[in-house]
């Protein structure tokens, strides 16, 4: 699990044009018929551009509903724009099971900043599910995105589930993307990709947390695979950072050094901003966590390539402690960059 400054070369695949004129790659162009929803329900749109081999080896359609069937594909498209009143949601498309709650303006210190809850109508992800979320944050906008609950990934006999989130953050925007943790159940296979296009003058605070399984049932590391890619690029395509997580506990040891070290919870925080020097941000964030949790938490803070920001990794067994530490870290950065404390979170 490392931060990389260059993309790993992809296998030769078919280029499919996207709505914004860019191209992506997909494993197959054998799309299902799209009688409704247009391009949004074609496989070239909802399938990840590239699925890691650790996950794709499980490819196959379950005996119940195959990939692309009604209810298996969730699509969410949001655009936030700045106006005289602040930031507002100006474009919105949703296809169940993905949906949102009405954006809320509950922070009295940031009345211009909407807080938006990303939701799914289902209880979790099952084999063949494909979710895609596209969010555009226009110039000088401010937005906070989170989820309504943990992402539960259920047991699978055939196939896998995948979720893609694309964030486009334009000049001067300030965006927080802090979803709840992922819980991979026994025998589950899951791939998530977060792809960010970040203007050099914009700020992103993003988080990711994964559990070893249903810890209350003593279910630890019995999923088939959890794979995650978090990548940030500039508008010209220049890669800023790439963080890859590949956990395959049935194939390789995940509890050793440089992996999970025997812990149950892995949490990350990524902060990319031009508002403060990366070295200063790393030092101050490390000091804040050390003062609050001392030796109760195993964590590290490092500077991202090119002084573009910092990243934080935390390991622990206490889920409540990790949640509080994640909220503290994100809140500390929020206050440091905006001058205002973050509003109280109902999640810890």
Protein backbone atom coordinates (compact mmCIF):
# COMPACT_ATOMS: atom_id res chain seq x y z
CA UNK A 1 0.00 0.00 0.00
CA UNK A 2 1.93 3.00 -1.24
CA UNK A 3 1.53 6.45 -2.70
CA UNK A 4 2.75 6.29 -6.27
CA UNK A 5 3.69 9.16 -8.54
CA UNK A 6 3.12 7.33 -11.80
CA UNK A 7 0.35 5.20 -13.17
CA UNK A 8 0.93 1.49 -13.69
CA UNK A 9 0.69 0.71 -17.42
CA UNK A 10 -2.68 -0.71 -18.38
CA UNK A 11 -3.32 -3.67 -20.61
CA UNK A 12 -4.42 -2.87 -24.15
CA UNK A 13 -8.14 -2.28 -24.09
CA UNK A 14 -10.83 -0.55 -26.14
CA UNK A 15 -11.21 3.24 -26.02
CA UNK A 16 -14.78 4.45 -25.46
CA UNK A 17 -15.60 8.20 -25.64
CA UNK A 18 -17.05 9.76 -22.51
CA UNK A 19 -19.59 12.58 -22.40
CA UNK A 20 -16.91 15.15 -21.60
CA UNK A 21 -14.89 14.25 -24.67
CA UNK A 22 -12.26 12.26 -22.82
CA UNK A 23 -11.75 8.58 -23.41
CA UNK A 24 -11.62 5.68 -21.04
CA UNK A 25 -10.92 2.00 -21.30
CA UNK A 26 -13.27 -0.86 -20.59
CA UNK A 27 -12.81 -4.58 -20.57
CA UNK A 28 -15.62 -5.23 -23.03
CA UNK A 29 -17.91 -3.33 -25.40
CA UNK A 30 -20.58 -6.01 -25.17
CA UNK A 31 -23.06 -3.58 -23.57
CA UNK A 32 -26.52 -4.52 -22.50
CA UNK A 33 -29.42 -2.93 -24.40
CA UNK A 34 -30.27 0.49 -22.95
CA UNK A 35 -34.01 1.01 -23.43
CA UNK A 36 -34.00 3.86 -20.91
CA UNK A 37 -31.41 6.15 -19.38
CA UNK A 38 -29.31 6.45 -22.54
CA UNK A 39 -25.55 6.32 -22.11
CA UNK A 40 -25.88 6.18 -18.32
CA UNK A 41 -27.01 2.55 -18.40
CA UNK A 42 -24.50 1.35 -20.97
CA UNK A 43 -21.62 -0.75 -19.67
CA UNK A 44 -19.08 1.72 -21.09
CA UNK A 45 -20.40 4.25 -18.57
CA UNK A 46 -21.00 2.29 -15.38
CA UNK A 47 -18.20 -0.28 -15.59
CA UNK A 48 -14.87 0.83 -14.07
CA UNK A 49 -12.31 1.91 -16.63
CA UNK A 50 -10.02 -0.85 -15.41
CA UNK A 51 -10.62 -3.57 -12.87
CA UNK A 52 -7.56 -4.93 -11.00
CA UNK A 53 -6.69 -8.54 -11.72
CA UNK A 54 -7.21 -9.36 -8.06
CA UNK A 55 -10.90 -8.57 -8.58
CA UNK A 56 -11.51 -9.30 -12.27
CA UNK A 57 -10.53 -12.96 -11.82
CA UNK A 58 -13.90 -13.41 -10.11
CA UNK A 59 -15.83 -12.01 -13.08
CA UNK A 60 -19.11 -13.70 -13.93
CA UNK A 61 -22.83 -13.15 -13.73
CA UNK A 62 -24.68 -14.44 -10.67
CA UNK A 63 -27.62 -16.76 -11.13
CA UNK A 64 -30.02 -14.09 -9.83
CA UNK A 65 -29.63 -10.74 -11.65
CA UNK A 66 -26.79 -10.25 -14.10
CA UNK A 67 -24.69 -7.09 -14.33
CA UNK A 68 -26.71 -4.26 -15.86
CA UNK A 69 -30.12 -5.60 -14.84
CA UNK A 70 -32.65 -3.15 -13.36
CA UNK A 71 -31.64 -2.23 -9.82
CA UNK A 72 -28.03 -3.35 -10.33
CA UNK A 73 -26.74 -0.06 -11.74
CA UNK A 74 -26.77 3.12 -9.66
CA UNK A 75 -25.90 6.44 -11.28
CA UNK A 76 -25.54 9.81 -9.58
CA UNK A 77 -24.50 13.08 -11.24
CA UNK A 78 -24.16 16.32 -9.27
CA UNK A 79 -22.92 19.80 -10.16
CA UNK A 80 -22.29 22.48 -7.53
CA UNK A 81 -21.95 26.10 -8.65
CA UNK A 82 -21.12 29.34 -6.88
CA UNK A 83 -23.51 32.29 -7.01
CA UNK A 84 -24.28 35.39 -4.92
CA UNK A 85 -25.89 33.27 -2.18
CA UNK A 86 -23.05 30.80 -1.93
CA UNK A 87 -22.77 27.29 -3.40
CA UNK A 88 -25.88 25.58 -4.72
CA UNK A 89 -26.66 22.27 -6.37
CA UNK A 90 -27.39 23.34 -9.96
CA UNK A 91 -27.53 19.98 -11.74
CA UNK A 92 -28.77 16.68 -10.38
CA UNK A 93 -29.44 13.28 -11.93
CA UNK A 94 -29.98 10.10 -9.96
CA UNK A 95 -30.84 6.55 -10.85
CA UNK A 96 -31.80 4.19 -8.06
CA UNK A 97 -30.30 2.73 -5.97
CA UNK A 98 -28.08 5.86 -5.78
CA UNK A 99 -29.72 9.07 -4.56
CA UNK A 100 -29.11 12.07 -2.33
CA UNK A 101 -30.84 13.94 0.43
CA UNK A 102 -31.54 17.62 -0.08
CA UNK A 103 -28.30 19.58 0.52
CA UNK A 104 -28.26 21.09 4.00
CA UNK A 105 -26.75 24.38 5.15
CA UNK A 106 -26.38 23.66 8.85
CA UNK A 107 -22.94 25.17 9.53
CA UNK A 108 -23.58 28.71 10.82
CA UNK A 109 -19.93 29.59 10.20
CA UNK A 110 -20.10 28.43 6.57
CA UNK A 111 -23.64 29.29 5.39
CA UNK A 112 -22.36 29.16 1.82
CA UNK A 113 -21.35 25.47 2.04
CA UNK A 114 -23.91 22.71 1.38
CA UNK A 115 -23.58 19.36 3.15
CA UNK A 116 -24.85 16.57 0.91
CA UNK A 117 -25.61 13.00 1.98
CA UNK A 118 -24.97 10.34 -0.67
CA UNK A 119 -27.40 7.47 -0.22
CA UNK A 120 -28.26 4.06 -1.61
CA UNK A 121 -31.72 2.55 -1.52
CA UNK A 122 -30.30 -0.93 -0.96
CA UNK A 123 -28.92 -2.39 2.24
CA UNK A 124 -25.51 -2.96 0.72
CA UNK A 125 -23.64 -4.21 -2.33
CA UNK A 126 -24.12 -7.65 -3.81
CA UNK A 127 -22.57 -9.46 -6.76
CA UNK A 128 -22.99 -7.62 -10.05
CA UNK A 129 -23.72 -4.22 -8.53
CA UNK A 130 -22.16 -1.27 -10.31
CA UNK A 131 -22.31 2.25 -8.87
CA UNK A 132 -21.00 5.41 -10.51
CA UNK A 133 -21.01 8.90 -9.00
CA UNK A 134 -19.85 12.01 -10.86
CA UNK A 135 -19.50 15.30 -8.98
CA UNK A 136 -18.45 18.62 -10.52
CA UNK A 137 -17.60 21.49 -8.18
CA UNK A 138 -17.38 24.73 -10.12
CA UNK A 139 -15.00 27.67 -9.61
CA UNK A 140 -14.88 29.02 -6.04
CA UNK A 141 -17.58 26.61 -4.86
CA UNK A 142 -17.55 24.85 -1.48
CA UNK A 143 -19.14 21.47 -0.76
CA UNK A 144 -19.09 18.68 1.80
CA UNK A 145 -19.99 15.16 0.65
CA UNK A 146 -20.52 12.17 2.90
CA UNK A 147 -22.62 8.99 3.05
CA UNK A 148 -25.65 8.07 5.13
CA UNK A 149 -24.23 4.79 6.43
CA UNK A 150 -21.42 2.29 6.21
CA UNK A 151 -20.99 0.52 2.87
CA UNK A 152 -21.67 -3.17 3.45
CA UNK A 153 -20.39 -5.62 0.84
CA UNK A 154 -22.19 -8.94 1.07
CA UNK A 155 -21.10 -12.52 0.40
CA UNK A 156 -20.70 -13.47 -3.27
CA UNK A 157 -20.45 -16.81 -5.03
CA UNK A 158 -19.91 -15.43 -8.56
CA UNK A 159 -18.78 -12.01 -9.74
CA UNK A 160 -17.95 -8.87 -7.79
CA UNK A 161 -19.27 -5.41 -6.95
CA UNK A 162 -17.68 -2.14 -8.04
CA UNK A 163 -18.15 1.57 -7.34
CA UNK A 164 -16.57 4.50 -9.15
CA UNK A 165 -16.52 8.11 -7.94
CA UNK A 166 -15.29 10.89 -10.22
CA UNK A 167 -14.65 14.30 -8.64
CA UNK A 168 -13.91 17.34 -10.79
CA UNK A 169 -12.82 20.26 -8.60
CA UNK A 170 -12.32 23.51 -10.44
CA UNK A 171 -10.35 26.68 -9.67
CA UNK A 172 -10.57 27.95 -6.11
CA UNK A 173 -13.09 25.31 -4.97
CA UNK A 174 -13.03 23.78 -1.47
CA UNK A 175 -14.37 20.21 -1.27
CA UNK A 176 -14.60 17.65 1.52
CA UNK A 177 -15.36 14.04 0.54
CA UNK A 178 -15.62 11.95 3.71
CA UNK A 179 -17.63 8.75 3.23
CA UNK A 180 -18.34 6.27 6.01
CA UNK A 181 -16.29 3.06 6.29
CA UNK A 182 -16.55 0.00 4.06
CA UNK A 183 -17.28 -3.39 5.67
CA UNK A 184 -16.39 -6.34 3.42
CA UNK A 185 -18.35 -9.39 4.61
CA UNK A 186 -17.02 -12.96 4.37
CA UNK A 187 -16.48 -14.15 0.76
CA UNK A 188 -17.09 -10.67 -0.69
CA UNK A 189 -15.25 -9.11 -3.64
CA UNK A 190 -15.20 -5.34 -4.04
CA UNK A 191 -13.38 -2.70 -6.07
CA UNK A 192 -13.75 1.03 -5.55
CA UNK A 193 -12.07 3.78 -7.53
CA UNK A 194 -12.01 7.46 -6.65
CA UNK A 195 -10.66 9.58 -9.51
CA UNK A 196 -10.10 13.28 -8.86
CA UNK A 197 -9.34 16.05 -11.33
CA UNK A 198 -8.08 18.87 -9.12
CA UNK A 199 -7.22 22.40 -10.20
CA UNK A 200 -3.91 23.57 -8.66
CA UNK A 201 -5.77 26.40 -6.87
CA UNK A 202 -8.45 24.11 -5.40
CA UNK A 203 -8.55 22.18 -2.12
CA UNK A 204 -9.66 18.60 -1.44
CA UNK A 205 -10.00 16.82 1.90
CA UNK A 206 -10.90 13.17 1.31
CA UNK A 207 -11.10 10.09 3.49
CA UNK A 208 -11.38 6.32 3.22
CA UNK A 209 -11.80 3.65 5.91
CA UNK A 210 -12.10 -0.13 5.64
CA UNK A 211 -12.84 -2.71 8.35
CA UNK A 212 -11.50 -6.25 8.48
CA UNK A 213 -15.09 -7.53 8.39
CA UNK A 214 -18.04 -7.79 10.75
CA UNK A 215 -15.95 -7.34 13.87
CA UNK A 216 -18.86 -7.83 16.29
CA UNK A 217 -19.16 -11.38 14.91
CA UNK A 218 -15.42 -11.99 15.16
CA UNK A 219 -15.30 -11.99 11.36
CA UNK A 220 -11.86 -10.80 10.37
CA UNK A 221 -10.13 -10.93 6.99
CA UNK A 222 -12.31 -13.65 5.48
CA UNK A 223 -13.39 -11.61 2.45
CA UNK A 224 -11.98 -12.59 -0.95
CA UNK A 225 -10.67 -9.19 -2.02
CA UNK A 226 -10.92 -5.53 -1.17
CA UNK A 227 -9.28 -3.30 -3.78
CA UNK A 228 -9.21 0.48 -3.81
CA UNK A 229 -7.63 3.12 -6.04
CA UNK A 230 -7.48 6.78 -5.06
CA UNK A 231 -5.94 8.93 -7.76
CA UNK A 232 -5.55 12.67 -8.25
CA UNK A 233 -4.71 14.38 -11.54
CA UNK A 234 -4.42 17.95 -12.72
CA UNK A 235 -6.75 19.19 -15.48
CA UNK A 236 -3.99 18.57 -18.06
CA UNK A 237 -3.85 14.90 -17.01
CA UNK A 238 -0.67 15.12 -14.93
CA UNK A 239 -0.79 12.55 -12.14
CA UNK A 240 -0.37 14.05 -8.67
CA UNK A 241 -0.77 10.98 -6.46
CA UNK A 242 -2.03 7.42 -6.65
CA UNK A 243 -2.79 5.31 -3.59
CA UNK A 244 -3.52 1.64 -4.21
CA UNK A 245 -4.85 -0.79 -1.63
CA UNK A 246 -5.03 -4.51 -2.46
CA UNK A 247 -6.17 -6.83 0.33
CA UNK A 248 -6.54 -10.51 -0.57
CA UNK A 249 -6.42 -12.28 2.80
CA UNK A 250 -7.15 -15.75 1.36
CA UNK A 251 -4.18 -15.52 -1.00
CA UNK A 252 -1.57 -13.48 0.84
CA UNK A 253 -0.86 -12.43 4.41
CA UNK A 254 -2.50 -9.08 5.20
CA UNK A 255 -1.59 -8.92 8.88
CA UNK A 256 2.14 -8.51 8.44
CA UNK A 257 4.39 -5.47 8.52
CA UNK A 258 3.76 -2.80 5.86
CA UNK A 259 0.20 -4.08 5.47
CA UNK A 260 -2.29 -4.14 8.37
CA UNK A 261 0.05 -5.30 11.09
CA UNK A 262 -2.62 -7.36 12.81
CA UNK A 263 -5.08 -4.48 13.14
CA UNK A 264 -8.78 -4.47 12.25
CA UNK A 265 -9.29 -0.96 10.88
CA UNK A 266 -7.40 0.96 8.19
CA UNK A 267 -8.20 4.65 7.68
CA UNK A 268 -6.76 7.24 5.32
CA UNK A 269 -7.05 10.99 4.94
CA UNK A 270 -5.81 12.86 1.87
CA UNK A 271 -5.40 16.63 1.90
CA UNK A 272 -4.40 18.42 -1.30
CA UNK A 273 -4.30 22.20 -1.03
CA UNK A 274 -2.25 25.27 -1.99
CA UNK A 275 -3.46 27.17 1.09
CA UNK A 276 -0.65 26.02 3.37
CA UNK A 277 2.80 24.53 2.88
CA UNK A 278 2.63 20.75 2.86
CA UNK A 279 5.46 20.32 5.37
CA UNK A 280 3.80 22.66 7.85
CA UNK A 281 0.45 20.93 7.39
CA UNK A 282 2.00 17.50 7.97
CA UNK A 283 3.79 18.62 11.13
CA UNK A 284 0.73 20.32 12.61
CA UNK A 285 -1.61 17.43 11.80
CA UNK A 286 0.82 14.94 13.35
CA UNK A 287 1.11 17.07 16.49
CA UNK A 288 -2.68 17.37 16.81
CA UNK A 289 -3.18 13.60 16.62
CA UNK A 290 -0.27 12.90 18.96
CA UNK A 291 -1.64 15.29 21.55
CA UNK A 292 -5.13 13.81 21.37
CA UNK A 293 -4.34 10.08 21.19
CA UNK A 294 -0.67 9.65 22.09
CA UNK A 295 0.19 5.94 21.93
CA UNK A 296 -3.44 4.77 21.65
CA UNK A 297 -3.32 5.02 17.88
CA UNK A 298 -0.82 3.90 15.25
CA UNK A 299 -0.57 6.50 12.51
CA UNK A 300 1.75 8.31 10.15
CA UNK A 301 1.59 11.58 8.21
CA UNK A 302 3.63 12.17 5.07
CA UNK A 303 4.00 14.85 2.42
CA UNK A 304 2.57 14.02 -1.00
CA UNK A 305 4.73 14.20 -4.14
CA UNK A 306 5.49 17.68 -5.38
CA UNK A 307 4.49 19.27 -2.05
CA UNK A 308 0.88 19.03 -3.25
CA UNK A 309 -0.49 18.10 0.16
CA UNK A 310 -0.33 15.41 2.82
CA UNK A 311 -1.71 11.95 3.49
CA UNK A 312 -2.51 10.25 6.76
CA UNK A 313 -2.78 6.53 7.51
CA UNK A 314 -4.18 5.15 10.75
CA UNK A 315 -4.38 1.60 12.07
CA UNK A 316 -6.27 0.37 15.09
CA UNK A 317 -8.68 -2.12 16.61
CA UNK A 318 -11.06 0.30 18.32
CA UNK A 319 -13.60 1.40 15.70
CA UNK A 320 -14.89 4.26 17.85
CA UNK A 321 -11.37 5.54 18.45
CA UNK A 322 -10.57 5.45 14.74
CA UNK A 323 -13.82 7.25 13.93
CA UNK A 324 -13.08 9.98 16.44
CA UNK A 325 -9.52 10.33 15.23
CA UNK A 326 -10.73 10.60 11.61
CA UNK A 327 -13.23 13.31 12.56
CA UNK A 328 -10.58 15.13 14.59
CA UNK A 329 -8.08 15.02 11.70
CA UNK A 330 -10.56 16.23 9.08
CA UNK A 331 -11.89 18.89 11.46
CA UNK A 332 -8.40 20.08 12.33
CA UNK A 333 -7.55 20.53 8.66
CA UNK A 334 -10.90 22.22 7.98
CA UNK A 335 -10.25 24.80 10.72
CA UNK A 336 -6.64 25.29 9.73
CA UNK A 337 -7.57 26.03 6.10
CA UNK A 338 -10.80 28.00 6.61
CA UNK A 339 -10.27 29.66 9.97
CA UNK A 340 -13.55 28.21 11.26
CA UNK A 341 -14.12 25.03 13.32
CA UNK A 342 -15.90 22.23 11.56
CA UNK A 343 -19.51 21.62 12.66
CA UNK A 344 -20.13 18.81 15.11
CA UNK A 345 -20.48 15.40 13.49
CA UNK A 346 -23.32 13.03 14.40
CA UNK A 347 -21.15 10.05 13.42
CA UNK A 348 -19.04 9.61 16.54
